[in-house]
Amino acid sequence: MVRWFLRAVAAVAGLALAAFGALVVVMRTKWEPGLRFVTRLQRRYARKAGLRLAGRPGDVAVVVHHVGRRSGRSYATPVTVEETSAGLLVTLPYGPGTDWARNVLAADRAVLTIDGESVEVTAPRVIGLDEAAPLLSPRERRVARFFGATDFLLLRPADSSA
């Protein structure tokens, strides 16, 4: 009985490790079918769970409130943001072609819920890893390089004089 249980645990761990390896390969190579699959899974499962906690005091995730480019509908997307001297920096692991990033760029503004407070941001700008690397913490820089993130969205708080 114990041997069967250990084999089952090993099988599940092996599948999880294989799935994580596949995710890393998809992210690093930017393989379109794989990215579409991952974004579909995130929309269906992770996004809903992320929205429950994101934006609350003490949570690392924030909520980006944006308006659809064509639909005009309001949307909310959980993301992680790093506060830097140049503004708020969002890693774009799937590139700048995601719907929420395109919506923010088209509107030239968004509202973020950070630690329970709303912060209006303007002048979104996509920057590359070379420009973003000095702004990132060493941990975030390692994570970005590990997953092959080359695009970042730089947002400036609307009330900042920068």
Protein backbone atom coordinates (compact mmCIF):
# COMPACT_ATOMS: atom_id res chain seq x y z
CA MET A 1 0.00 0.00 0.00
CA VAL A 2 2.78 2.43 0.93
CA ARG A 3 4.68 1.63 -2.25
CA TRP A 4 1.59 2.35 -4.37
CA PHE A 5 1.09 5.67 -2.60
CA LEU A 6 4.73 6.67 -3.13
CA ARG A 7 4.50 5.81 -6.83
CA ALA A 8 1.35 7.92 -7.17
CA VAL A 9 3.00 10.86 -5.43
CA ALA A 10 6.09 10.47 -7.64
CA ALA A 11 3.89 10.36 -10.76
CA VAL A 12 2.03 13.52 -9.77
CA ALA A 13 5.30 15.28 -8.91
CA GLY A 14 6.77 14.19 -12.25
CA LEU A 15 3.75 15.52 -14.15
CA ALA A 16 3.92 18.82 -12.27
CA LEU A 17 7.63 19.13 -13.02
CA ALA A 18 7.05 18.32 -16.70
CA ALA A 19 4.24 20.92 -16.88
CA PHE A 20 6.47 23.55 -15.28
CA GLY A 21 9.28 22.70 -17.71
CA ALA A 22 6.87 23.03 -20.64
CA LEU A 23 5.69 26.39 -19.30
CA VAL A 24 9.27 27.66 -19.08
CA VAL A 25 10.01 26.50 -22.64
CA VAL A 26 6.81 28.14 -23.97
CA MET A 27 7.56 31.39 -22.15
CA ARG A 28 11.21 31.54 -23.23
CA THR A 29 10.53 30.67 -26.89
CA LYS A 30 7.28 32.71 -27.11
CA TRP A 31 5.70 29.77 -28.99
CA GLU A 32 2.32 31.20 -30.06
CA PRO A 33 0.11 28.09 -29.65
CA GLY A 34 1.59 27.47 -26.21
CA LEU A 35 1.11 31.09 -25.16
CA ARG A 36 -2.53 30.99 -26.31
CA PHE A 37 -3.09 27.81 -24.28
CA VAL A 38 -1.50 29.29 -21.14
CA THR A 39 -3.46 32.56 -21.43
CA ARG A 40 -6.70 30.60 -21.89
CA LEU A 41 -5.98 28.63 -18.71
CA GLN A 42 -5.11 31.81 -16.84
CA ARG A 43 -8.27 33.58 -17.97
CA ARG A 44 -10.43 30.66 -16.97
CA TYR A 45 -8.86 29.77 -13.61
CA ALA A 46 -5.99 31.90 -12.27
CA ARG A 47 -7.47 35.30 -13.09
CA LYS A 48 -10.62 34.72 -11.06
CA ALA A 49 -8.65 33.47 -8.08
CA GLY A 50 -6.15 36.32 -8.42
CA LEU A 51 -8.85 38.97 -8.46
CA ARG A 52 -10.19 37.77 -5.10
CA LEU A 53 -6.98 38.80 -3.32
CA ALA A 54 -5.20 41.24 -5.62
CA GLY A 55 -5.16 44.89 -4.62
CA ARG A 56 -5.73 44.24 -0.93
CA PRO A 57 -3.35 45.63 1.66
CA GLY A 58 -0.24 43.49 1.91
CA ASP A 59 -0.83 41.53 -1.31
CA VAL A 60 1.90 41.55 -3.95
CA ALA A 61 -0.59 41.55 -6.83
CA VAL A 62 -2.47 44.65 -7.92
CA VAL A 63 -5.57 45.02 -10.08
CA VAL A 64 -5.40 46.93 -13.35
CA HIS A 65 -8.78 48.47 -14.22
CA HIS A 66 -8.94 49.19 -17.95
CA VAL A 67 -11.46 49.78 -20.72
CA GLY A 68 -11.74 47.60 -23.82
CA ARG A 69 -10.42 49.14 -27.02
CA ARG A 70 -13.40 48.09 -29.11
CA SER A 71 -16.08 47.05 -26.62
CA GLY A 72 -15.76 49.99 -24.22
CA ARG A 73 -16.40 47.50 -21.38
CA SER A 74 -14.58 47.78 -18.07
CA TYR A 75 -12.15 44.99 -17.20
CA ALA A 76 -10.00 44.10 -14.22
CA THR A 77 -6.78 42.11 -14.50
CA PRO A 78 -4.49 41.00 -11.67
CA VAL A 79 -0.78 41.68 -12.26
CA THR A 80 2.35 42.17 -10.22
CA VAL A 81 3.91 45.61 -10.18
CA GLU A 82 7.29 46.77 -9.00
CA GLU A 83 7.56 50.33 -7.75
CA THR A 84 10.69 51.97 -9.21
CA SER A 85 12.19 55.42 -9.40
CA ALA A 86 10.85 55.77 -12.96
CA GLY A 87 7.31 54.67 -12.09
CA LEU A 88 5.43 51.40 -11.78
CA LEU A 89 6.87 48.52 -13.78
CA VAL A 90 4.83 45.53 -14.92
CA THR A 91 6.57 42.51 -16.43
CA LEU A 92 4.86 41.36 -19.64
CA PRO A 93 5.79 37.67 -19.82
CA TYR A 94 3.51 37.12 -22.84
CA GLY A 95 4.66 40.30 -24.55
CA PRO A 96 2.83 43.58 -25.17
CA GLY A 97 0.16 41.87 -27.29
CA THR A 98 -2.04 40.81 -24.37
CA ASP A 99 -5.52 42.31 -24.38
CA TRP A 100 -5.14 44.17 -21.11
CA ALA A 101 -1.79 45.73 -22.12
CA ARG A 102 -3.16 46.75 -25.51
CA ASN A 103 -6.19 48.30 -23.79
CA VAL A 104 -4.03 50.32 -21.40
CA LEU A 105 -1.74 51.48 -24.22
CA ALA A 106 -4.71 52.48 -26.42
CA ALA A 107 -6.43 54.41 -23.61
CA ASP A 108 -3.13 55.93 -22.47
CA ARG A 109 -4.28 55.44 -18.87
CA ALA A 110 -5.59 52.95 -16.32
CA VAL A 111 -6.44 52.74 -12.65
CA LEU A 112 -4.53 50.37 -10.37
CA THR A 113 -5.77 49.10 -7.03
CA ILE A 114 -2.66 48.90 -4.85
CA ASP A 115 -2.90 48.06 -1.14
CA GLY A 116 -6.60 48.89 -1.18
CA GLU A 117 -6.12 52.32 -2.77
CA SER A 118 -6.82 53.45 -6.32
CA VAL A 119 -3.94 54.99 -8.25
CA GLU A 120 -4.49 56.50 -11.67
CA VAL A 121 -1.59 55.89 -14.06
CA THR A 122 -0.86 57.53 -17.37
CA ALA A 123 1.69 57.52 -20.16
CA PRO A 124 2.10 53.74 -20.45
CA ARG A 125 5.22 52.81 -22.36
CA VAL A 126 6.59 49.42 -23.38
CA ILE A 127 10.29 49.11 -22.61
CA GLY A 128 12.79 46.34 -23.15
CA LEU A 129 14.85 44.35 -20.68
CA ASP A 130 17.91 46.56 -21.20
CA GLU A 131 16.03 49.64 -20.00
CA ALA A 132 14.05 47.78 -17.31
CA ALA A 133 16.90 45.74 -15.78
CA PRO A 134 18.42 48.63 -13.77
CA LEU A 135 14.96 49.43 -12.38
CA LEU A 136 14.17 45.86 -11.26
CA SER A 137 15.13 44.30 -7.97
CA PRO A 138 17.72 41.52 -8.30
CA ARG A 139 15.02 38.90 -7.63
CA GLU A 140 12.67 40.27 -10.30
CA ARG A 141 15.57 40.53 -12.76
CA ARG A 142 16.37 36.83 -12.22
CA VAL A 143 12.72 35.83 -12.63
CA ALA A 144 12.40 37.88 -15.83
CA ARG A 145 15.52 36.32 -17.30
CA PHE A 146 14.49 32.80 -16.24
CA PHE A 147 11.14 33.07 -18.02
CA GLY A 148 12.58 34.99 -20.96
CA ALA A 149 10.57 38.17 -20.33
CA THR A 150 11.83 40.88 -22.65
CA ASP A 151 8.97 43.38 -22.45
CA PHE A 152 7.82 45.56 -19.57
CA LEU A 153 5.10 48.18 -19.21
CA LEU A 154 6.21 51.35 -17.46
CA LEU A 155 3.36 53.34 -15.90
CA ARG A 156 3.58 56.72 -14.22
CA PRO A 157 1.19 57.79 -11.47
CA ALA A 158 -1.01 60.60 -12.82
CA ASP A 159 -0.15 62.93 -9.94
CA SER A 160 3.62 62.53 -10.37
CA SER A 161 5.54 65.38 -11.92
CA ALA A 162 7.81 63.04 -13.93
